[in-house]
Amino acid sequence: MSDERHEREVVGTRVVDARLHLLSRQVLDVDGEPVTTVDDLEVRAPDGGEAVPGEEAWVSAIVGWPVLVTRVLGGHPPRARRAEVAWSDVGHVGTAVELTVTADTLDVGWTERWVRDHVVGRIPGGRHDPEAGS
């Protein structure tokens, strides 16, 4: 089967199996700090339109769901609260997905930051970093 898109040379692109290489992988920021896990992917056609099953598609974003509250209280996170990390922020895909930006610049961890600042921070000793020493 001779198909033009399979015959062209692609430079700087890597073909991956999303289920094997991306889903459920840990996402680390540029400093190596955990940000989220890859819960889903946003895919687009090469022209930026809707991806068509069986046709060439590109990953445009990693989708992370804030699951902290749902793990504690049960249920499913609302679709409106899904957080995306642009694929342009991905630097390397290996055993973890490594980003080129810091976690604080992303909206993915807003629930964890909120709990850290408003709940854990109010617990006596909650702002103490045990790894910083005495």
N, C-alpha and C. Protein backbone atom coordinates (compact mmCIF):
# COMPACT_ATOMS: atom_id res chain seq x y z
N MET A 1 0.85 -1.18 0.00
CA MET A 1 0.00 0.00 0.00
C MET A 1 0.89 1.23 0.00
N SER A 2 0.84 1.96 -1.07
CA SER A 2 1.67 3.15 -1.20
C SER A 2 0.84 4.37 -0.83
N ASP A 3 1.19 4.96 0.27
CA ASP A 3 0.44 6.11 0.75
C ASP A 3 1.42 7.25 0.97
N GLU A 4 1.12 8.42 0.45
CA GLU A 4 2.04 9.56 0.49
C GLU A 4 2.46 9.91 1.91
N ARG A 5 1.56 9.84 2.87
CA ARG A 5 1.91 10.27 4.21
C ARG A 5 2.87 9.29 4.89
N HIS A 6 2.91 8.03 4.46
CA HIS A 6 3.84 7.06 5.02
C HIS A 6 5.20 7.15 4.35
N GLU A 7 5.29 7.77 3.18
CA GLU A 7 6.54 7.84 2.43
C GLU A 7 7.35 9.08 2.78
N ARG A 8 6.75 10.09 3.36
CA ARG A 8 7.49 11.31 3.64
C ARG A 8 8.41 11.12 4.84
N GLU A 9 9.48 11.90 4.85
CA GLU A 9 10.44 11.84 5.94
C GLU A 9 10.02 12.86 6.99
N VAL A 10 9.92 12.42 8.22
CA VAL A 10 9.53 13.30 9.30
C VAL A 10 10.74 13.47 10.20
N VAL A 11 11.11 14.71 10.46
CA VAL A 11 12.27 15.02 11.28
C VAL A 11 11.81 15.57 12.61
N GLY A 12 12.38 15.07 13.72
CA GLY A 12 12.05 15.58 15.04
C GLY A 12 10.72 15.09 15.59
N THR A 13 10.16 14.07 15.00
CA THR A 13 8.89 13.54 15.45
C THR A 13 9.08 12.08 15.82
N ARG A 14 8.39 11.65 16.86
CA ARG A 14 8.48 10.28 17.31
C ARG A 14 7.07 9.70 17.35
N VAL A 15 6.90 8.54 16.77
CA VAL A 15 5.61 7.87 16.80
C VAL A 15 5.56 7.05 18.08
N VAL A 16 4.49 7.23 18.87
CA VAL A 16 4.34 6.50 20.12
C VAL A 16 2.96 5.87 20.19
N ASP A 17 2.87 4.80 20.93
CA ASP A 17 1.59 4.18 21.25
C ASP A 17 1.11 4.87 22.52
N ALA A 18 0.03 5.62 22.43
CA ALA A 18 -0.44 6.42 23.55
C ALA A 18 -0.71 5.58 24.79
N ARG A 19 -1.33 4.44 24.62
CA ARG A 19 -1.61 3.59 25.79
C ARG A 19 -0.33 3.08 26.44
N LEU A 20 0.66 2.77 25.65
CA LEU A 20 1.90 2.20 26.17
C LEU A 20 2.87 3.27 26.67
N HIS A 21 3.03 4.36 25.94
CA HIS A 21 4.06 5.35 26.24
C HIS A 21 3.59 6.59 26.97
N LEU A 22 2.28 6.85 27.04
CA LEU A 22 1.83 8.11 27.62
C LEU A 22 0.84 7.96 28.77
N LEU A 23 -0.24 7.24 28.57
CA LEU A 23 -1.29 7.19 29.59
C LEU A 23 -0.79 6.60 30.89
N SER A 24 -1.19 7.21 31.98
CA SER A 24 -0.84 6.83 33.35
C SER A 24 0.62 7.09 33.70
N ARG A 25 1.34 7.82 32.86
CA ARG A 25 2.73 8.18 33.18
C ARG A 25 2.75 9.38 34.11
N GLN A 26 3.75 9.42 34.95
CA GLN A 26 3.96 10.57 35.83
C GLN A 26 4.46 11.74 34.99
N VAL A 27 3.95 12.93 35.26
CA VAL A 27 4.41 14.14 34.59
C VAL A 27 5.25 14.93 35.58
N LEU A 28 6.49 15.24 35.19
CA LEU A 28 7.42 15.97 36.04
C LEU A 28 7.70 17.34 35.44
N ASP A 29 7.83 18.35 36.31
CA ASP A 29 8.16 19.67 35.79
C ASP A 29 9.66 19.75 35.51
N VAL A 30 10.12 20.92 35.10
CA VAL A 30 11.52 21.11 34.71
C VAL A 30 12.48 20.85 35.87
N ASP A 31 12.00 20.98 37.11
CA ASP A 31 12.81 20.74 38.30
C ASP A 31 12.72 19.30 38.80
N GLY A 32 11.97 18.46 38.09
CA GLY A 32 11.81 17.07 38.49
C GLY A 32 10.72 16.85 39.52
N GLU A 33 9.93 17.88 39.80
CA GLU A 33 8.83 17.76 40.77
C GLU A 33 7.60 17.16 40.09
N PRO A 34 6.91 16.23 40.76
CA PRO A 34 5.70 15.65 40.18
C PRO A 34 4.61 16.70 40.01
N VAL A 35 3.94 16.67 38.85
CA VAL A 35 2.88 17.62 38.55
C VAL A 35 1.53 16.92 38.53
N THR A 36 1.42 15.86 37.79
CA THR A 36 0.18 15.11 37.64
C THR A 36 0.52 13.79 36.97
N THR A 37 -0.49 13.06 36.59
CA THR A 37 -0.30 11.89 35.74
C THR A 37 -1.08 12.13 34.46
N VAL A 38 -0.70 11.44 33.41
CA VAL A 38 -1.40 11.58 32.14
C VAL A 38 -2.69 10.76 32.23
N ASP A 39 -3.81 11.45 32.38
CA ASP A 39 -5.10 10.79 32.49
C ASP A 39 -5.78 10.64 31.14
N ASP A 40 -5.51 11.57 30.24
CA ASP A 40 -6.13 11.57 28.92
C ASP A 40 -5.28 12.42 28.00
N LEU A 41 -5.58 12.38 26.72
CA LEU A 41 -4.85 13.17 25.73
C LEU A 41 -5.82 13.93 24.86
N GLU A 42 -5.44 15.12 24.48
CA GLU A 42 -6.19 15.90 23.49
C GLU A 42 -5.46 15.70 22.17
N VAL A 43 -6.15 15.14 21.19
CA VAL A 43 -5.52 14.90 19.89
C VAL A 43 -6.22 15.71 18.82
N ARG A 44 -5.45 16.12 17.83
CA ARG A 44 -5.95 16.93 16.72
C ARG A 44 -5.40 16.38 15.42
N ALA A 45 -6.07 16.69 14.34
CA ALA A 45 -5.57 16.37 13.01
C ALA A 45 -4.38 17.29 12.74
N PRO A 46 -3.50 16.93 11.81
CA PRO A 46 -2.34 17.77 11.53
C PRO A 46 -2.68 19.21 11.15
N ASP A 47 -3.87 19.44 10.59
CA ASP A 47 -4.28 20.80 10.23
C ASP A 47 -4.90 21.56 11.40
N GLY A 48 -4.96 20.93 12.59
CA GLY A 48 -5.52 21.57 13.78
C GLY A 48 -6.99 21.29 13.99
N GLY A 49 -7.62 20.60 13.06
CA GLY A 49 -9.05 20.28 13.19
C GLY A 49 -9.27 19.03 14.03
N GLU A 50 -10.51 18.55 13.98
CA GLU A 50 -10.87 17.34 14.72
C GLU A 50 -10.12 16.13 14.20
N ALA A 51 -9.65 15.30 15.10
CA ALA A 51 -8.98 14.07 14.70
C ALA A 51 -10.02 13.07 14.20
N VAL A 52 -9.68 12.34 13.17
CA VAL A 52 -10.57 11.34 12.58
C VAL A 52 -9.99 9.96 12.88
N PRO A 53 -10.79 9.04 13.46
CA PRO A 53 -10.28 7.70 13.75
C PRO A 53 -9.69 7.05 12.50
N GLY A 54 -8.51 6.46 12.68
CA GLY A 54 -7.85 5.78 11.57
C GLY A 54 -6.96 6.69 10.74
N GLU A 55 -7.03 7.99 10.98
CA GLU A 55 -6.21 8.96 10.24
C GLU A 55 -5.08 9.45 11.15
N GLU A 56 -4.11 10.11 10.55
CA GLU A 56 -2.99 10.67 11.28
C GLU A 56 -3.49 11.70 12.29
N ALA A 57 -2.93 11.67 13.49
CA ALA A 57 -3.32 12.61 14.54
C ALA A 57 -2.09 13.00 15.34
N TRP A 58 -2.14 14.19 15.94
CA TRP A 58 -1.06 14.71 16.74
C TRP A 58 -1.58 15.00 18.14
N VAL A 59 -0.76 14.78 19.15
CA VAL A 59 -1.14 15.12 20.51
C VAL A 59 -0.98 16.63 20.67
N SER A 60 -2.04 17.29 21.10
CA SER A 60 -1.96 18.74 21.30
C SER A 60 -1.85 19.10 22.77
N ALA A 61 -2.31 18.20 23.66
CA ALA A 61 -2.23 18.50 25.09
C ALA A 61 -2.35 17.23 25.91
N ILE A 62 -1.74 17.27 27.08
CA ILE A 62 -1.91 16.24 28.09
C ILE A 62 -3.05 16.72 28.98
N VAL A 63 -3.95 15.84 29.32
CA VAL A 63 -5.08 16.21 30.16
C VAL A 63 -4.92 15.54 31.52
N GLY A 64 -4.96 16.35 32.56
CA GLY A 64 -4.92 15.85 33.93
C GLY A 64 -6.20 16.26 34.63
N TRP A 65 -6.72 15.37 35.41
CA TRP A 65 -7.94 15.67 36.16
C TRP A 65 -7.58 15.87 37.61
N PRO A 66 -8.08 16.92 38.25
CA PRO A 66 -7.82 17.09 39.68
C PRO A 66 -8.61 16.04 40.46
N VAL A 67 -7.92 15.04 40.97
CA VAL A 67 -8.62 13.91 41.58
C VAL A 67 -8.52 13.87 43.09
N LEU A 68 -7.86 14.83 43.71
CA LEU A 68 -7.69 14.82 45.15
C LEU A 68 -9.02 14.74 45.88
N VAL A 69 -9.94 15.62 45.56
CA VAL A 69 -11.24 15.65 46.25
C VAL A 69 -12.05 14.39 45.95
N THR A 70 -12.02 13.93 44.70
CA THR A 70 -12.80 12.74 44.36
C THR A 70 -12.23 11.49 45.01
N ARG A 71 -10.93 11.46 45.27
CA ARG A 71 -10.36 10.31 45.99
C ARG A 71 -10.83 10.29 47.43
N VAL A 72 -11.02 11.47 48.01
CA VAL A 72 -11.45 11.55 49.40
C VAL A 72 -12.96 11.37 49.52
N LEU A 73 -13.72 12.06 48.65
CA LEU A 73 -15.17 12.07 48.77
C LEU A 73 -15.89 11.15 47.80
N GLY A 74 -15.19 10.62 46.82
CA GLY A 74 -15.82 9.77 45.81
C GLY A 74 -16.38 10.60 44.67
N GLY A 75 -16.89 9.92 43.67
CA GLY A 75 -17.48 10.60 42.52
C GLY A 75 -16.48 10.81 41.41
N HIS A 76 -16.84 11.65 40.45
CA HIS A 76 -16.01 11.94 39.30
C HIS A 76 -15.76 13.44 39.22
N PRO A 77 -14.58 13.86 38.78
CA PRO A 77 -14.34 15.29 38.64
C PRO A 77 -15.16 15.86 37.49
N PRO A 78 -15.65 17.08 37.63
CA PRO A 78 -16.42 17.68 36.53
C PRO A 78 -15.53 17.94 35.32
N ARG A 79 -16.07 17.76 34.14
CA ARG A 79 -15.32 17.96 32.90
C ARG A 79 -14.77 19.39 32.79
N ALA A 80 -15.49 20.33 33.37
CA ALA A 80 -15.06 21.72 33.31
C ALA A 80 -13.77 21.96 34.10
N ARG A 81 -13.42 21.07 35.00
CA ARG A 81 -12.22 21.25 35.82
C ARG A 81 -11.01 20.51 35.29
N ARG A 82 -11.12 19.96 34.09
CA ARG A 82 -9.95 19.27 33.55
C ARG A 82 -8.87 20.30 33.26
N ALA A 83 -7.64 19.90 33.49
CA ALA A 83 -6.52 20.81 33.29
C ALA A 83 -5.64 20.25 32.19
N GLU A 84 -5.26 21.11 31.28
CA GLU A 84 -4.45 20.69 30.14
C GLU A 84 -3.05 21.25 30.24
N VAL A 85 -2.09 20.44 29.81
CA VAL A 85 -0.71 20.87 29.66
C VAL A 85 -0.42 20.82 28.17
N ALA A 86 -0.09 21.95 27.58
CA ALA A 86 0.16 22.00 26.14
C ALA A 86 1.31 21.07 25.77
N TRP A 87 1.17 20.37 24.66
CA TRP A 87 2.21 19.45 24.22
C TRP A 87 3.51 20.21 23.94
N SER A 88 3.42 21.47 23.62
CA SER A 88 4.63 22.27 23.38
C SER A 88 5.46 22.44 24.65
N ASP A 89 4.87 22.17 25.82
CA ASP A 89 5.59 22.24 27.10
C ASP A 89 6.29 20.93 27.44
N VAL A 90 6.10 19.89 26.63
CA VAL A 90 6.73 18.59 26.88
C VAL A 90 8.12 18.59 26.28
N GLY A 91 9.10 18.23 27.11
CA GLY A 91 10.47 18.20 26.64
C GLY A 91 10.95 16.81 26.28
N HIS A 92 10.47 15.79 27.01
CA HIS A 92 10.95 14.43 26.80
C HIS A 92 9.89 13.44 27.28
N VAL A 93 9.74 12.35 26.52
CA VAL A 93 8.86 11.26 26.93
C VAL A 93 9.73 10.04 27.16
N GLY A 94 9.78 9.58 28.39
CA GLY A 94 10.54 8.40 28.76
C GLY A 94 9.72 7.61 29.76
N THR A 95 10.35 7.18 30.85
CA THR A 95 9.58 6.50 31.89
C THR A 95 8.63 7.48 32.56
N ALA A 96 8.92 8.75 32.45
CA ALA A 96 8.02 9.82 32.89
C ALA A 96 7.98 10.85 31.76
N VAL A 97 6.94 11.66 31.78
CA VAL A 97 6.83 12.76 30.81
C VAL A 97 7.44 13.99 31.48
N GLU A 98 8.51 14.50 30.88
CA GLU A 98 9.23 15.63 31.46
C GLU A 98 8.85 16.92 30.74
N LEU A 99 8.53 17.93 31.54
CA LEU A 99 8.11 19.22 30.99
C LEU A 99 9.27 20.20 30.94
N THR A 100 9.09 21.27 30.20
CA THR A 100 10.10 22.33 30.10
C THR A 100 9.70 23.56 30.92
N VAL A 101 8.65 23.44 31.73
CA VAL A 101 8.15 24.55 32.55
C VAL A 101 8.04 24.10 34.00
N THR A 102 7.90 25.06 34.91
CA THR A 102 7.73 24.72 36.33
C THR A 102 6.26 24.45 36.63
N ALA A 103 6.03 23.68 37.67
CA ALA A 103 4.67 23.29 38.05
C ALA A 103 3.81 24.50 38.41
N ASP A 104 4.43 25.52 39.00
CA ASP A 104 3.66 26.69 39.43
C ASP A 104 3.06 27.47 38.27
N THR A 105 3.56 27.29 37.06
CA THR A 105 3.03 28.01 35.90
C THR A 105 1.84 27.28 35.28
N LEU A 106 1.52 26.09 35.80
CA LEU A 106 0.45 25.27 35.23
C LEU A 106 -0.77 25.28 36.14
N ASP A 107 -1.94 25.09 35.57
CA ASP A 107 -3.19 25.05 36.33
C ASP A 107 -3.50 23.64 36.84
N VAL A 108 -2.70 22.66 36.45
CA VAL A 108 -3.00 21.26 36.77
C VAL A 108 -3.07 21.01 38.27
N GLY A 109 -2.16 21.56 39.05
CA GLY A 109 -2.10 21.26 40.47
C GLY A 109 -2.78 22.25 41.37
N TRP A 110 -3.77 22.98 40.86
CA TRP A 110 -4.40 24.01 41.67
C TRP A 110 -5.06 23.45 42.92
N THR A 111 -5.64 22.26 42.84
CA THR A 111 -6.31 21.69 44.02
C THR A 111 -5.30 21.34 45.10
N GLU A 112 -4.18 20.76 44.71
CA GLU A 112 -3.17 20.41 45.70
C GLU A 112 -2.56 21.67 46.32
N ARG A 113 -2.33 22.70 45.51
CA ARG A 113 -1.81 23.96 46.07
C ARG A 113 -2.82 24.58 47.03
N TRP A 114 -4.11 24.51 46.68
CA TRP A 114 -5.15 25.08 47.54
C TRP A 114 -5.20 24.34 48.87
N VAL A 115 -5.18 23.01 48.82
CA VAL A 115 -5.20 22.22 50.06
C VAL A 115 -3.95 22.49 50.88
N ARG A 116 -2.79 22.60 50.22
CA ARG A 116 -1.54 22.89 50.93
C ARG A 116 -1.64 24.23 51.65
N ASP A 117 -2.14 25.25 50.96
CA ASP A 117 -2.17 26.60 51.53
C ASP A 117 -3.29 26.81 52.54
N HIS A 118 -4.46 26.20 52.32
CA HIS A 118 -5.63 26.48 53.16
C HIS A 118 -5.94 25.41 54.20
N VAL A 119 -5.43 24.21 54.04
CA VAL A 119 -5.71 23.15 55.01
C VAL A 119 -4.43 22.75 55.73
N VAL A 120 -3.49 22.19 55.00
CA VAL A 120 -2.26 21.69 55.62
C VAL A 120 -1.47 22.83 56.26
N GLY A 121 -1.47 23.99 55.62
CA GLY A 121 -0.74 25.14 56.16
C GLY A 121 -1.27 25.62 57.48
N ARG A 122 -2.50 25.30 57.83
CA ARG A 122 -3.10 25.72 59.11
C ARG A 122 -2.85 24.72 60.23
N ILE A 123 -2.36 23.55 59.88
CA ILE A 123 -2.03 22.55 60.89
C ILE A 123 -0.70 22.95 61.53
N PRO A 124 -0.60 22.91 62.87
CA PRO A 124 0.68 23.26 63.49
C PRO A 124 1.81 22.39 62.92
N GLY A 125 2.84 23.05 62.44
CA GLY A 125 3.96 22.34 61.81
C GLY A 125 3.74 22.05 60.34
N GLY A 126 2.59 22.42 59.79
CA GLY A 126 2.24 22.13 58.41
C GLY A 126 3.06 22.90 57.39
N ARG A 127 3.66 23.99 57.80
CA ARG A 127 4.49 24.76 56.87
C ARG A 127 5.97 24.42 57.03
N HIS A 128 6.29 23.51 57.92
CA HIS A 128 7.68 23.10 58.15
C HIS A 128 8.10 22.09 57.10
N ASP A 129 9.22 22.32 56.47
CA ASP A 129 9.77 21.40 55.48
C ASP A 129 10.70 20.43 56.22
N PRO A 130 10.30 19.16 56.37
CA PRO A 130 11.11 18.21 57.13
C PRO A 130 12.48 17.94 56.51
N GLU A 131 12.61 18.18 55.20
CA GLU A 131 13.88 17.93 54.53
C GLU A 131 14.83 19.11 54.61
N ALA A 132 14.36 20.26 55.12
CA ALA A 132 15.19 21.44 55.19
C ALA A 132 16.11 21.42 56.41
N GLY A 133 15.87 20.52 57.33
CA GLY A 133 16.69 20.47 58.54
C GLY A 133 16.11 21.35 59.62
N SER A 134 16.71 21.32 60.78
CA SER A 134 16.18 22.09 61.93
C SER A 134 16.72 23.46 62.01
